[in-house]
Protein backbone atom coordinates (compact mmCIF):
# COMPACT_ATOMS: atom_id res chain seq x y z
CA UNK A 1 88.90 92.46 122.55
CA UNK A 2 91.69 93.50 124.97
CA UNK A 3 93.67 96.65 124.28
CA UNK A 4 97.18 96.55 125.74
CA UNK A 5 100.22 98.81 125.99
CA UNK A 6 103.35 97.62 124.17
CA UNK A 7 106.98 97.86 125.21
CA UNK A 8 107.55 100.61 122.63
CA UNK A 9 104.94 102.82 124.33
CA UNK A 10 102.29 102.31 121.67
CA UNK A 11 99.03 100.34 121.97
CA UNK A 12 97.62 97.33 120.18
CA UNK A 13 94.27 95.56 119.76
CA UNK A 14 94.31 91.89 120.72
CA UNK A 15 97.31 90.21 119.09
CA UNK A 16 97.70 92.94 116.48
CA UNK A 17 100.69 95.18 115.86
CA UNK A 18 101.72 97.98 118.23
CA UNK A 19 100.72 100.93 116.02
CA UNK A 20 98.28 103.10 118.01
CA UNK A 21 99.62 106.21 119.72
CA UNK A 22 97.14 106.03 122.62
CA UNK A 23 94.69 103.67 124.27
CA UNK A 24 91.83 105.95 123.19
CA UNK A 25 92.91 105.74 119.54
CA UNK A 26 93.05 101.95 119.70
CA UNK A 27 89.62 101.76 121.34
CA UNK A 28 88.16 104.14 118.78
CA UNK A 29 89.61 102.15 115.88
CA UNK A 30 88.17 98.91 117.25
CA UNK A 31 84.78 100.49 117.92
CA UNK A 32 84.67 101.90 114.39
CA UNK A 33 85.62 98.53 113.00
CA UNK A 34 82.86 96.74 114.92
CA UNK A 35 80.33 99.42 113.98
CA UNK A 36 81.14 99.03 110.31
CA UNK A 37 80.94 95.29 110.55
CA UNK A 38 77.61 95.40 112.33
CA UNK A 39 76.19 97.74 109.70
CA UNK A 40 77.28 95.40 106.96
CA UNK A 41 76.42 92.10 108.65
CA UNK A 42 72.92 91.01 109.66
CA UNK A 43 71.59 87.47 110.02
CA UNK A 44 68.33 85.54 109.58
CA UNK A 45 69.53 81.94 109.66
CA UNK A 46 67.79 81.26 112.98
CA UNK A 47 65.83 77.98 113.11
CA UNK A 48 62.23 77.65 112.02
CA UNK A 49 61.34 76.61 115.56
CA UNK A 50 62.31 80.10 116.78
CA UNK A 51 60.03 81.67 114.16
CA UNK A 52 57.17 79.33 115.10
CA UNK A 53 57.56 80.15 118.82
CA UNK A 54 57.24 83.87 118.06
CA UNK A 55 54.23 83.25 115.78
CA UNK A 56 52.51 81.31 118.54
CA UNK A 57 52.78 84.25 120.95
CA UNK A 58 51.50 86.69 118.33
CA UNK A 59 48.56 84.41 117.61
CA UNK A 60 47.73 84.23 121.32
CA UNK A 61 47.64 88.02 121.46
CA UNK A 62 45.24 88.11 118.50
CA UNK A 63 42.96 85.53 120.12
CA UNK A 64 43.11 86.51 123.80
CA UNK A 65 43.99 90.21 123.73
CA UNK A 66 44.82 91.69 127.14
CA UNK A 67 45.05 88.24 128.72
CA UNK A 68 48.45 87.91 127.05
CA UNK A 69 50.92 89.93 129.13
CA UNK A 70 54.53 89.56 130.13
CA UNK A 71 55.98 91.17 126.99
CA UNK A 72 57.43 94.68 126.78
CA UNK A 73 57.33 96.78 123.62
CA UNK A 74 60.84 95.53 122.85
CA UNK A 75 59.69 91.96 123.33
CA UNK A 76 56.75 92.37 120.94
CA UNK A 77 59.07 93.94 118.38
CA UNK A 78 61.41 90.97 118.73
CA UNK A 79 58.55 88.52 118.24
CA UNK A 80 57.49 90.31 115.07
CA UNK A 81 61.04 90.27 113.74
CA UNK A 82 61.36 86.52 114.30
CA UNK A 83 57.90 85.77 112.92
CA UNK A 84 58.69 87.72 109.74
CA UNK A 85 62.21 86.20 109.36
CA UNK A 86 63.77 89.66 109.48
CA UNK A 87 67.54 90.02 109.54
CA UNK A 88 69.01 90.66 113.00
CA UNK A 89 72.08 92.69 113.99
CA UNK A 90 74.77 91.47 116.35
CA UNK A 91 73.36 93.70 119.08
CA UNK A 92 69.92 92.10 118.77
CA UNK A 93 71.44 88.61 118.73
CA UNK A 94 73.39 89.45 121.90
CA UNK A 95 70.15 90.46 123.62
CA UNK A 96 68.54 87.19 122.55
CA UNK A 97 71.52 85.23 123.88
CA UNK A 98 71.28 87.11 127.19
CA UNK A 99 67.67 85.91 127.54
CA UNK A 100 69.18 82.61 128.74
CA UNK A 101 68.76 84.01 132.24
CA UNK A 102 64.99 83.37 131.88
CA UNK A 103 65.32 79.70 130.97
CA UNK A 104 63.26 78.72 134.00
CA UNK A 105 60.28 79.89 131.93
CA UNK A 106 60.96 77.44 129.10
CA UNK A 107 58.23 75.17 130.48
CA UNK A 108 54.70 76.29 131.26
CA UNK A 109 54.01 76.61 134.99
CA UNK A 110 51.66 73.82 136.22
CA UNK A 111 48.92 76.28 137.16
CA UNK A 112 48.82 77.52 133.53
CA UNK A 113 48.93 74.11 131.87
CA UNK A 114 45.56 74.66 130.18
CA UNK A 115 46.02 78.43 129.58
CA UNK A 116 49.69 78.87 128.64
CA UNK A 117 49.05 82.39 127.25
CA UNK A 118 48.47 83.55 130.84
CA UNK A 119 51.95 82.44 131.95
CA UNK A 120 53.79 85.76 131.56
CA UNK A 121 57.25 84.25 131.85
CA UNK A 122 56.55 81.56 129.27
CA UNK A 123 55.01 84.10 126.88
CA UNK A 124 58.17 86.22 127.05
CA UNK A 125 60.39 83.16 126.58
CA UNK A 126 58.58 82.13 123.40
CA UNK A 127 58.40 85.71 122.11
CA UNK A 128 62.20 85.87 122.16
CA UNK A 129 62.39 82.65 120.13
CA UNK A 130 62.12 80.11 122.90
CA UNK A 131 64.86 77.55 123.51
CA UNK A 132 65.57 77.23 119.79
CA UNK A 133 66.02 80.99 119.37
CA UNK A 134 68.10 81.59 122.49
CA UNK A 135 70.42 78.66 121.80
CA UNK A 136 70.89 79.79 118.20
CA UNK A 137 71.70 83.31 119.41
CA UNK A 138 74.36 82.00 121.77
CA UNK A 139 76.02 80.01 118.99
CA UNK A 140 75.72 82.85 116.51
CA UNK A 141 77.15 85.44 118.89
CA UNK A 142 80.17 83.26 119.54
CA UNK A 143 80.65 82.79 115.79
CA UNK A 144 80.43 86.53 115.09
CA UNK A 145 82.82 87.50 117.86
CA UNK A 146 85.35 84.86 116.86
CA UNK A 147 85.20 86.24 113.34
CA UNK A 148 85.77 89.76 114.67
CA UNK A 149 88.83 88.56 116.59
CA UNK A 150 90.29 87.09 113.44
CA UNK A 151 89.77 90.39 111.62
CA UNK A 152 92.26 92.21 113.85
CA UNK A 153 94.94 91.68 111.33
CA UNK A 154 98.71 91.37 111.38
CA UNK A 155 101.34 93.23 109.41
CA UNK A 156 104.32 92.28 107.28
CA UNK A 157 106.78 95.02 106.30
CA UNK A 158 109.64 94.93 103.80
CA UNK A 159 112.18 97.35 102.40
CA UNK A 160 110.46 97.95 99.06
CA UNK A 161 110.98 101.29 97.35
CA UNK A 162 108.65 102.86 94.80
CA UNK A 163 108.92 101.71 91.22
CA UNK A 164 107.66 104.99 89.81
CA UNK A 165 106.57 108.38 91.17
CA UNK A 166 104.78 110.94 88.99
CA UNK A 167 104.15 114.21 90.83
CA UNK A 168 102.26 115.76 87.91
CA UNK A 169 99.75 112.93 87.63
CA UNK A 170 99.86 112.32 91.40
CA UNK A 171 100.48 108.61 90.93
CA UNK A 172 102.85 106.11 92.51
CA UNK A 173 103.59 102.46 91.84
CA UNK A 174 105.59 99.79 93.63
CA UNK A 175 105.30 96.61 95.64
CA UNK A 176 103.44 96.06 98.88
CA UNK A 177 104.96 92.61 99.39
CA UNK A 178 107.73 90.41 98.00
CA UNK A 179 107.51 86.69 97.38
CA UNK A 180 109.96 84.07 98.60
CA UNK A 181 111.71 86.00 101.40
CA UNK A 182 111.94 84.56 104.90
CA UNK A 183 111.00 87.40 107.28
CA UNK A 184 111.95 87.87 110.94
CA UNK A 185 108.93 85.78 112.00
CA UNK A 186 110.04 82.86 109.84
CA UNK A 187 107.18 83.45 107.38
CA UNK A 188 107.42 83.28 103.59
CA UNK A 189 104.80 84.95 101.43
CA UNK A 190 104.09 82.60 98.54
CA UNK A 191 102.93 83.37 94.97
CA UNK A 192 99.17 83.11 94.76
CA UNK A 193 98.61 84.26 98.34
CA UNK A 194 96.80 87.43 97.23
CA UNK A 195 94.83 86.17 94.21
CA UNK A 196 91.53 85.63 95.98
CA UNK A 197 91.68 88.98 97.80
CA UNK A 198 92.53 90.81 94.59
CA UNK A 199 89.59 89.19 92.79
CA UNK A 200 87.11 89.85 95.61
CA UNK A 201 88.30 93.17 97.07
CA UNK A 202 90.69 94.65 94.53
CA UNK A 203 90.18 97.47 92.00
CA UNK A 204 88.10 95.24 89.73
CA UNK A 205 86.14 93.78 92.63
CA UNK A 206 84.53 95.54 95.59
CA UNK A 207 87.42 98.05 95.83
CA UNK A 208 87.84 97.55 99.57
CA UNK A 209 91.64 97.19 99.69
CA UNK A 210 93.07 100.56 100.73
CA UNK A 211 96.39 102.34 100.33
CA UNK A 212 97.25 103.86 103.71
CA UNK A 213 100.09 105.65 105.41
CA UNK A 214 101.54 103.60 108.28
CA UNK A 215 98.44 101.35 108.49
CA UNK A 216 96.32 104.27 109.69
CA UNK A 217 92.71 104.26 108.45
CA UNK A 218 92.56 108.02 109.09
CA UNK A 219 95.44 108.56 106.62
CA UNK A 220 94.30 107.17 103.25
CA UNK A 221 96.80 108.02 100.55
CA UNK A 222 94.63 107.45 97.53
CA UNK A 223 92.81 104.97 95.34
CA UNK A 224 94.49 101.75 94.23
CA UNK A 225 93.94 101.47 90.47
CA UNK A 226 96.08 98.40 89.76
CA UNK A 227 96.71 95.49 92.09
CA UNK A 228 98.21 92.26 90.83
CA UNK A 229 100.71 89.52 91.49
CA UNK A 230 103.79 89.16 89.30
CA UNK A 231 106.93 87.06 89.66
CA UNK A 232 108.39 89.53 92.18
CA UNK A 233 105.49 90.15 94.52
CA UNK A 234 102.30 92.18 95.02
CA UNK A 235 102.44 95.10 92.58
CA UNK A 236 100.24 98.18 92.89
CA UNK A 237 99.51 101.53 91.30
CA UNK A 238 97.73 104.33 93.18
CA UNK A 239 96.20 107.69 92.37
CA UNK A 240 96.91 109.99 95.30
CA UNK A 241 94.51 112.47 96.85
CA UNK A 242 95.26 116.08 95.87
CA UNK A 243 95.54 117.44 99.40
CA UNK A 244 98.40 118.82 101.48
CA UNK A 245 98.78 115.34 102.93
CA UNK A 246 98.92 113.77 99.46
CA UNK A 247 101.38 116.37 98.19
CA UNK A 248 103.63 115.89 101.20
CA UNK A 249 103.60 112.16 100.63
CA UNK A 250 104.58 112.36 96.97
CA UNK A 251 107.39 114.79 97.83
CA UNK A 252 108.72 112.33 100.40
CA UNK A 253 108.45 109.52 97.84
CA UNK A 254 110.32 111.58 95.23
CA UNK A 255 112.94 112.51 97.81
CA UNK A 256 113.67 108.85 98.55
CA UNK A 257 112.86 109.06 102.25
CA UNK A 258 110.03 106.49 102.11
CA UNK A 259 111.63 103.13 101.47
CA UNK A 260 109.32 100.59 103.08
CA UNK A 261 105.94 99.07 102.33
CA UNK A 262 103.75 96.78 104.37
CA UNK A 263 100.49 94.84 104.22
CA UNK A 264 97.65 94.34 106.70
CA UNK A 265 96.10 90.90 106.35
CA UNK A 266 94.76 87.71 107.90
CA UNK A 267 96.39 84.38 107.11
CA UNK A 268 93.88 81.87 105.71
CA UNK A 269 96.18 79.02 104.61
CA UNK A 270 99.74 78.26 105.66
CA UNK A 271 102.06 75.25 105.62
CA UNK A 272 105.34 74.41 107.27
CA UNK A 273 108.04 74.31 104.60
CA UNK A 274 111.73 73.49 104.58
CA UNK A 275 112.73 77.17 104.74
CA UNK A 276 109.94 78.50 106.95
CA UNK A 277 106.21 78.95 107.37
CA UNK A 278 104.74 79.29 103.87
CA UNK A 279 101.76 81.64 103.70
CA UNK A 280 99.67 80.50 100.73
CA UNK A 281 96.39 82.38 101.06
CA UNK A 282 95.52 85.60 102.88
CA UNK A 283 92.67 88.03 103.29
CA UNK A 284 94.23 91.36 102.35
CA UNK A 285 92.78 94.52 103.91
CA UNK A 286 95.28 97.21 102.98
CA UNK A 287 98.74 98.08 101.78
CA UNK A 288 100.74 100.81 103.51
CA UNK A 289 103.66 103.03 102.69
CA UNK A 290 105.78 103.46 105.80
CA UNK A 291 107.61 106.52 107.04
CA UNK A 292 109.22 104.10 109.52
CA UNK A 293 110.09 106.68 112.16
CA UNK A 294 108.34 107.82 115.30
CA UNK A 295 107.05 111.15 116.50
CA UNK A 296 109.35 111.21 119.53
CA UNK A 297 112.87 112.52 118.95
CA UNK A 298 114.06 110.62 122.04
CA UNK A 299 112.94 107.28 120.67
CA UNK A 300 116.02 105.19 119.81
CA UNK A 301 116.52 103.93 116.28
CA UNK A 302 117.05 100.16 116.41
CA UNK A 303 118.01 97.28 114.16
CA UNK A 304 121.43 98.19 112.70
CA UNK A 305 124.35 95.96 113.72
CA UNK A 306 127.05 95.85 111.01
CA UNK A 307 129.60 98.28 109.60
CA UNK A 308 127.65 98.19 106.36
CA UNK A 309 124.60 99.25 108.31
CA UNK A 310 126.47 102.24 109.74
CA UNK A 311 127.38 103.35 106.24
CA UNK A 312 123.77 102.94 105.18
CA UNK A 313 122.71 105.07 108.13
CA UNK A 314 125.09 107.80 107.06
CA UNK A 315 123.69 107.65 103.54
CA UNK A 316 120.14 107.92 104.90
CA UNK A 317 121.16 111.02 106.85
CA UNK A 318 122.46 112.58 103.64
CA UNK A 319 119.18 111.78 101.86
CA UNK A 320 117.12 113.41 104.60
CA UNK A 321 119.46 116.38 104.77
CA UNK A 322 119.11 116.93 101.01
CA UNK A 323 115.34 116.57 101.25
CA UNK A 324 115.03 119.15 104.03
CA UNK A 325 117.17 121.69 102.19
CA UNK A 326 115.29 121.41 98.90
CA UNK A 327 111.70 120.55 99.73
CA UNK A 328 108.67 122.82 100.06
CA UNK A 329 106.77 120.18 102.05
CA UNK A 330 104.70 121.21 105.08
CA UNK A 331 106.23 122.05 108.46
CA UNK A 332 104.86 118.80 109.88
CA UNK A 333 106.89 116.76 107.39
CA UNK A 334 110.02 118.82 108.09
CA UNK A 335 109.60 118.25 111.82
CA UNK A 336 109.32 114.50 111.27
CA UNK A 337 112.43 114.52 109.10
CA UNK A 338 114.41 116.32 111.79
CA UNK A 339 113.32 113.68 114.29
CA UNK A 340 114.47 110.99 111.87
CA UNK A 341 117.88 112.65 111.45
CA UNK A 342 118.36 112.84 115.22
CA UNK A 343 117.52 109.15 115.54
CA UNK A 344 119.89 108.19 112.74
CA UNK A 345 122.71 110.28 114.21
CA UNK A 346 122.20 108.71 117.63
CA UNK A 347 122.28 105.26 116.03
CA UNK A 348 125.54 106.00 114.21
CA UNK A 349 127.15 107.28 117.41
CA UNK A 350 125.93 104.33 119.47
CA UNK A 351 126.95 101.68 116.97
CA UNK A 352 130.34 103.27 116.37
CA UNK A 353 131.10 103.36 120.11
CA UNK A 354 130.05 99.75 120.69
CA UNK A 355 132.50 98.58 118.02
CA UNK A 356 135.49 100.03 119.88
CA UNK A 357 137.11 97.48 122.24
CA UNK A 358 140.35 97.29 124.19
CA UNK A 359 141.91 95.19 121.46
CA UNK A 360 140.69 97.18 118.50
CA UNK A 361 141.17 100.81 117.49
CA UNK A 362 138.13 103.04 117.98
CA UNK A 363 135.90 103.23 114.93
CA UNK A 364 135.83 106.62 113.20
CA UNK A 365 132.91 108.89 113.98
CA UNK A 366 130.64 110.50 111.44
CA UNK A 367 132.80 112.37 108.92
CA UNK A 368 133.27 116.08 109.55
CA UNK A 369 131.36 117.17 106.47
CA UNK A 370 128.30 115.21 107.49
CA UNK A 371 128.63 116.31 111.12
CA UNK A 372 128.74 119.99 110.14
CA UNK A 373 125.73 119.49 107.89
CA UNK A 374 123.77 117.91 110.72
CA UNK A 375 124.63 120.70 113.14
CA UNK A 376 123.57 123.27 110.54
CA UNK A 377 120.18 121.60 110.07
CA UNK A 378 119.46 120.89 113.71
CA UNK A 379 120.26 124.46 114.77
CA UNK A 380 117.37 125.60 112.64
CA UNK A 381 114.91 123.67 114.79
């Protein structure tokens, strides 16, 4: 799976979102994903012919002893696995598929027509499953890897605030996704899209759907206790971990500075509708609460184009300013909030200046009260 650098300076896996801070982090995430999948997934649906080929070689060894050569210790282990119909990992299947390079040994050499157990190459070929086993391994490997590609999931974010935050109980509730909205990709999440995932992987199923911060597996926020669809969207309730990270998160949620949620999923069923691409069934992996700002104070803040947006930006600055003055969150959170304020202020200045033209009066800058408040905060850092 290719790992590529995105225009925003982050990295992505395959066609996934640009969310990894470094190439090493992306590679590590993909390796961990594959490792987990390989631990969970093993296979024994190889054909009976492959099992019979391995049994034949083992029988020859019983009957002819040292006359049967051509097999390494690994080869004999493989023959025993196939003969006993043991489950095989992806790594083992890949080695079987690679045995294609020895196909010239599929037929017994003429000089060993009457004593095939003395044909070392043919013995090894059969011990690894013969033509039936190698061809199955090639098909199976392709199937597994195509499945792995599809598991590098995509994201859909929306401006969805928390419904409830309880700092004493360390619980939050809200919506990971909203139904019926056409997003920037032209997709519409439809009611019923999450039902199968909730049943299979939700709190009452295998409990594999996670609540993360910013789609990061290394930043789990807590345990999802309720996950369901209602008329609005995908509703959740989570019990947060009682750590510094969890406490910081709930303080940010209470302070109103986390206003977006997102989902990580694979689309299973979709149809072209009159309003857009209707997503009707997904495989849901996780829901994330988004801080929605970067760790680089020089990174521009994008996406605001109207006068209403400028006013919203100013209001966001006030929210962050109030949070910084009143919170006892960790220094790391404060640093991130300062970065956010700088980005918002830059956005206000840039958007205000672009609205001024030769035929129009210059738009007013940030009001003096807000400007003084910003200067006061930023001087502290």
